[in-house]
Protein backbone atom coordinates (compact mmCIF):
# COMPACT_ATOMS: atom_id res chain seq x y z
CA UNK A 1 32.25 4.11 -24.75
CA UNK A 2 32.06 7.85 -25.33
CA UNK A 3 35.23 9.57 -26.51
CA UNK A 4 34.04 12.80 -24.90
CA UNK A 5 34.21 14.65 -28.20
CA UNK A 6 31.96 17.52 -29.18
CA UNK A 7 30.22 16.47 -32.37
CA UNK A 8 28.15 18.62 -34.74
CA UNK A 9 25.55 16.75 -36.79
CA UNK A 10 23.62 18.10 -39.76
CA UNK A 11 22.03 16.96 -43.04
CA UNK A 12 20.05 18.14 -46.06
CA UNK A 13 16.97 15.91 -45.68
CA UNK A 14 15.63 17.82 -42.70
CA UNK A 15 15.72 17.55 -38.94
CA UNK A 16 12.88 14.99 -38.85
CA UNK A 17 14.35 12.66 -41.49
CA UNK A 18 14.93 8.96 -40.93
CA UNK A 19 18.57 9.34 -41.91
CA UNK A 20 19.46 11.88 -39.24
CA UNK A 21 17.77 9.73 -36.58
CA UNK A 22 20.00 6.84 -37.70
CA UNK A 23 23.05 9.14 -37.60
CA UNK A 24 22.26 10.23 -34.05
CA UNK A 25 22.04 6.54 -33.07
CA UNK A 26 25.35 5.90 -34.83
CA UNK A 27 27.15 8.82 -33.16
CA UNK A 28 25.86 8.55 -29.57
CA UNK A 29 28.79 6.41 -28.35
CA UNK A 30 31.33 8.96 -29.53
CA UNK A 31 30.56 12.08 -27.55
CA UNK A 32 28.28 15.02 -26.91
CA UNK A 33 25.99 15.61 -29.89
CA UNK A 34 24.68 18.94 -31.16
CA UNK A 35 22.30 18.59 -34.09
CA UNK A 36 21.56 21.61 -36.29
CA UNK A 37 19.57 20.60 -39.36
CA UNK A 38 17.10 22.26 -41.73
CA UNK A 39 13.43 22.53 -40.79
CA UNK A 40 12.59 21.01 -44.19
CA UNK A 41 14.41 19.06 -46.88
CA UNK A 42 17.14 21.06 -48.61
CA UNK A 43 18.47 18.50 -51.09
CA UNK A 44 20.46 19.80 -54.05
CA UNK A 45 21.49 23.00 -52.27
CA UNK A 46 25.23 22.24 -52.36
CA UNK A 47 26.98 24.96 -50.30
CA UNK A 48 24.26 27.59 -50.90
CA UNK A 49 23.76 30.29 -48.26
CA UNK A 50 20.66 32.28 -47.36
CA UNK A 51 21.21 35.96 -48.08
CA UNK A 52 18.69 38.78 -47.62
CA UNK A 53 16.27 36.70 -45.54
CA UNK A 54 16.14 36.17 -41.77
CA UNK A 55 17.20 32.81 -40.38
CA UNK A 56 15.53 31.14 -37.42
CA UNK A 57 17.05 28.66 -34.98
CA UNK A 58 14.62 26.63 -32.84
CA UNK A 59 15.60 24.24 -30.06
CA UNK A 60 13.66 20.97 -30.31
CA UNK A 61 15.40 18.73 -27.75
CA UNK A 62 17.78 19.25 -24.84
CA UNK A 63 18.84 16.17 -22.92
CA UNK A 64 22.05 14.71 -21.56
CA UNK A 65 24.50 14.28 -24.41
CA UNK A 66 22.12 15.52 -27.10
CA UNK A 67 20.78 18.89 -28.23
CA UNK A 68 18.68 19.22 -31.38
CA UNK A 69 18.01 22.48 -33.23
CA UNK A 70 16.09 23.20 -36.42
CA UNK A 71 17.34 25.96 -38.71
CA UNK A 72 15.25 27.66 -41.39
CA UNK A 73 18.18 27.76 -43.83
CA UNK A 74 20.31 25.50 -45.98
CA UNK A 75 22.75 22.82 -44.75
CA UNK A 76 25.66 25.26 -45.03
CA UNK A 77 23.57 27.82 -43.11
CA UNK A 78 23.12 25.21 -40.39
CA UNK A 79 26.88 24.85 -39.98
CA UNK A 80 27.39 28.61 -39.92
CA UNK A 81 24.57 29.04 -37.43
CA UNK A 82 26.06 26.38 -35.17
CA UNK A 83 29.50 27.96 -35.29
CA UNK A 84 28.23 31.48 -34.67
CA UNK A 85 25.62 30.72 -32.00
CA UNK A 86 26.36 27.40 -30.32
CA UNK A 87 30.13 26.89 -30.50
CA UNK A 88 31.36 30.34 -29.57
CA UNK A 89 33.96 29.21 -27.05
CA UNK A 90 34.98 25.77 -28.30
CA UNK A 91 35.08 24.29 -31.79
CA UNK A 92 33.44 20.93 -32.49
CA UNK A 93 35.93 18.07 -32.71
CA UNK A 94 34.01 16.52 -35.60
CA UNK A 95 31.24 17.31 -38.08
CA UNK A 96 29.12 14.46 -39.48
CA UNK A 97 26.53 15.09 -42.20
CA UNK A 98 23.74 12.71 -43.27
CA UNK A 99 22.83 9.98 -43.38
CA UNK A 100 21.58 11.16 -46.77
CA UNK A 101 18.61 9.34 -48.27
CA UNK A 102 20.06 8.76 -51.75
CA UNK A 103 23.41 8.50 -53.49
CA UNK A 104 25.96 11.30 -53.46
CA UNK A 105 28.37 9.45 -55.73
CA UNK A 106 29.72 10.76 -59.03
CA UNK A 107 28.30 14.10 -60.23
CA UNK A 108 25.73 14.12 -57.39
CA UNK A 109 28.54 15.21 -55.08
CA UNK A 110 28.56 18.56 -56.88
CA UNK A 111 24.94 19.32 -55.97
CA UNK A 112 24.76 17.63 -52.59
CA UNK A 113 23.64 19.62 -49.58
CA UNK A 114 24.99 16.81 -47.41
CA UNK A 115 28.47 17.47 -48.77
CA UNK A 116 27.88 21.22 -48.85
CA UNK A 117 27.60 21.02 -45.06
CA UNK A 118 30.73 18.84 -44.84
CA UNK A 119 32.68 21.30 -46.98
CA UNK A 120 31.49 24.20 -44.82
CA UNK A 121 32.69 22.37 -41.72
CA UNK A 122 36.05 21.82 -43.41
CA UNK A 123 36.32 25.55 -44.13
CA UNK A 124 35.99 26.12 -40.38
CA UNK A 125 38.81 23.63 -39.78
CA UNK A 126 36.56 20.87 -38.43
CA UNK A 127 37.30 17.28 -39.53
CA UNK A 128 34.17 16.54 -41.58
CA UNK A 129 32.55 13.53 -43.20
CA UNK A 130 29.31 12.98 -45.13
CA UNK A 131 27.40 9.67 -45.22
CA UNK A 132 24.83 8.60 -47.82
CA UNK A 133 22.68 5.48 -48.21
CA UNK A 134 22.21 4.87 -51.92
CA UNK A 135 18.45 4.48 -52.15
CA UNK A 136 15.38 6.72 -52.23
CA UNK A 137 13.12 3.98 -50.88
CA UNK A 138 11.02 5.75 -48.20
CA UNK A 139 11.11 2.64 -46.00
CA UNK A 140 14.88 2.15 -46.37
CA UNK A 141 16.74 0.27 -43.63
CA UNK A 142 19.68 2.36 -42.40
CA UNK A 143 21.28 -0.43 -40.33
CA UNK A 144 23.93 -1.18 -42.98
CA UNK A 145 24.87 2.50 -43.09
CA UNK A 146 25.14 2.65 -39.29
CA UNK A 147 27.23 -0.54 -39.16
CA UNK A 148 29.78 0.54 -41.76
CA UNK A 149 29.60 4.17 -40.71
CA UNK A 150 30.95 3.20 -37.30
CA UNK A 151 33.76 1.15 -38.86
CA UNK A 152 34.81 4.12 -40.97
CA UNK A 153 34.41 6.55 -38.09
CA UNK A 154 36.75 4.52 -35.88
CA UNK A 155 39.50 4.92 -38.49
CA UNK A 156 38.59 8.56 -39.11
CA UNK A 157 39.06 9.35 -35.43
CA UNK A 158 42.41 7.50 -35.27
CA UNK A 159 43.79 8.91 -38.52
CA UNK A 160 41.95 12.14 -39.45
CA UNK A 161 42.08 13.54 -42.95
CA UNK A 162 44.48 16.35 -43.81
CA UNK A 163 43.30 19.98 -43.47
CA UNK A 164 40.99 21.18 -46.25
CA UNK A 165 39.87 17.61 -47.05
CA UNK A 166 36.49 16.03 -46.26
CA UNK A 167 35.20 12.51 -46.91
CA UNK A 168 32.24 11.45 -49.02
CA UNK A 169 30.98 7.99 -47.99
CA UNK A 170 28.37 6.17 -50.08
CA UNK A 171 26.85 2.95 -48.78
CA UNK A 172 24.90 0.43 -50.88
CA UNK A 173 21.33 -0.28 -49.76
CA UNK A 174 21.86 -4.00 -49.13
CA UNK A 175 22.10 -6.24 -46.08
CA UNK A 176 25.22 -5.97 -43.91
CA UNK A 177 26.47 -9.44 -44.83
CA UNK A 178 26.01 -8.71 -48.54
CA UNK A 179 28.47 -5.81 -48.53
CA UNK A 180 31.73 -6.92 -50.15
CA UNK A 181 33.94 -4.45 -48.33
CA UNK A 182 35.04 -0.82 -48.19
CA UNK A 183 36.91 0.83 -51.07
CA UNK A 184 38.68 4.14 -51.49
CA UNK A 185 37.45 5.53 -54.80
CA UNK A 186 37.56 8.59 -57.01
CA UNK A 187 34.59 10.69 -58.08
CA UNK A 188 32.96 8.92 -61.01
CA UNK A 189 32.15 10.60 -64.31
CA UNK A 190 28.45 10.90 -65.04
CA UNK A 191 25.68 13.30 -65.90
CA UNK A 192 21.96 13.75 -65.49
CA UNK A 193 19.79 13.33 -68.57
CA UNK A 194 16.05 13.78 -69.20
CA UNK A 195 16.11 16.26 -66.37
CA UNK A 196 12.73 17.96 -66.76
CA UNK A 197 9.28 16.58 -67.43
CA UNK A 198 6.79 18.94 -69.09
CA UNK A 199 3.42 19.05 -67.32
CA UNK A 200 0.24 21.12 -67.34
CA UNK A 201 -1.32 22.57 -64.21
CA UNK A 202 -5.11 22.56 -63.51
CA UNK A 203 -5.40 26.01 -65.13
CA UNK A 204 -3.89 24.83 -68.41
CA UNK A 205 -0.49 26.47 -67.96
CA UNK A 206 2.70 24.57 -68.74
CA UNK A 207 5.32 23.91 -66.09
CA UNK A 208 8.35 21.67 -65.68
CA UNK A 209 9.10 19.11 -62.96
CA UNK A 210 12.68 18.05 -62.29
CA UNK A 211 13.09 14.28 -62.59
CA UNK A 212 16.26 13.12 -64.35
CA UNK A 213 18.14 9.90 -64.92
CA UNK A 214 21.77 9.29 -64.06
CA UNK A 215 23.98 8.33 -66.98
CA UNK A 216 27.27 6.62 -66.08
CA UNK A 217 30.01 7.84 -68.43
CA UNK A 218 32.57 5.27 -67.31
CA UNK A 219 30.78 1.95 -66.70
CA UNK A 220 34.02 -0.03 -66.86
CA UNK A 221 36.10 2.22 -64.58
CA UNK A 222 37.15 0.08 -61.61
CA UNK A 223 38.08 2.99 -59.32
CA UNK A 224 34.93 5.12 -59.53
CA UNK A 225 32.67 5.64 -56.54
CA UNK A 226 29.45 4.98 -58.45
CA UNK A 227 30.72 1.64 -59.78
CA UNK A 228 32.03 0.59 -56.38
CA UNK A 229 28.58 1.02 -54.84
CA UNK A 230 26.92 -0.77 -57.77
CA UNK A 231 29.27 -3.71 -57.15
CA UNK A 232 28.29 -3.89 -53.48
CA UNK A 233 31.12 -1.94 -51.85
CA UNK A 234 31.06 1.02 -49.51
CA UNK A 235 32.86 3.88 -51.28
CA UNK A 236 35.03 6.55 -49.66
CA UNK A 237 36.14 9.58 -51.69
CA UNK A 238 38.35 12.35 -50.25
CA UNK A 239 37.27 15.75 -51.61
CA UNK A 240 39.28 18.98 -51.54
CA UNK A 241 38.13 22.50 -50.75
CA UNK A 242 40.73 23.87 -53.18
CA UNK A 243 39.41 22.83 -56.61
CA UNK A 244 42.27 24.44 -58.55
CA UNK A 245 43.77 22.23 -61.26
CA UNK A 246 47.42 23.16 -60.78
CA UNK A 247 48.67 21.28 -63.84
CA UNK A 248 46.19 23.11 -66.06
CA UNK A 249 47.11 26.36 -64.36
CA UNK A 250 50.76 25.90 -65.37
CA UNK A 251 49.82 24.80 -68.88
CA UNK A 252 47.60 27.81 -69.52
CA UNK A 253 50.20 30.19 -68.07
CA UNK A 254 52.73 28.81 -70.53
CA UNK A 255 50.60 29.03 -73.71
CA UNK A 256 48.13 31.88 -73.28
CA UNK A 257 49.46 35.24 -74.45
CA UNK A 258 47.83 37.68 -72.07
């Protein structure tokens, strides 16, 4: 049954992606949906904004309980566009970003456009959550993500996160009955290696294509998000807008002679 909430949906894979279609299906029971998503894929854009170029907003669908718009900008642009053009008189009750096609665990959370949109929503004071299915398989089945997404959303609506916090949810790409459970985790430590592949174009000029492999820096860490997903759990990580390390702030104030 619909909760009657006004819900803003976005992503970084584009308005025509399989993941956002699954997210719309997942969110329909919860309220009135407004989708503002990029025309094309904007993965890896984090919270980037478009500056010095015009932005376009195009309505694609308008039916009972669902409006869909495509924006020519980044995921964060989509949130700003929604807030400045579509929610002038009433804030959304909830922002949901995704379902991303690929993991946003560990260091990927730093680059993620999915989470860039969630952080932008949080800046506006909207309770925000990002969902990711941890596979790049083009024929991926999003039913596990929808199933566990609804479980998490029920709790999120009952007990929202504190102000200036948003949630990063990563879901393993396995069958529903194979998932071992849901775990609260911390951001895992990792890095990308072998990031660029040297190639030659048809004219004989060299260029570089981003590829990369993820290297897990803490394979034995029980509480990390990356390891939780690898073990068959859904991972939830609360992220903060304020990234200040207050302990280090005090330490540096006490020892630096400025």
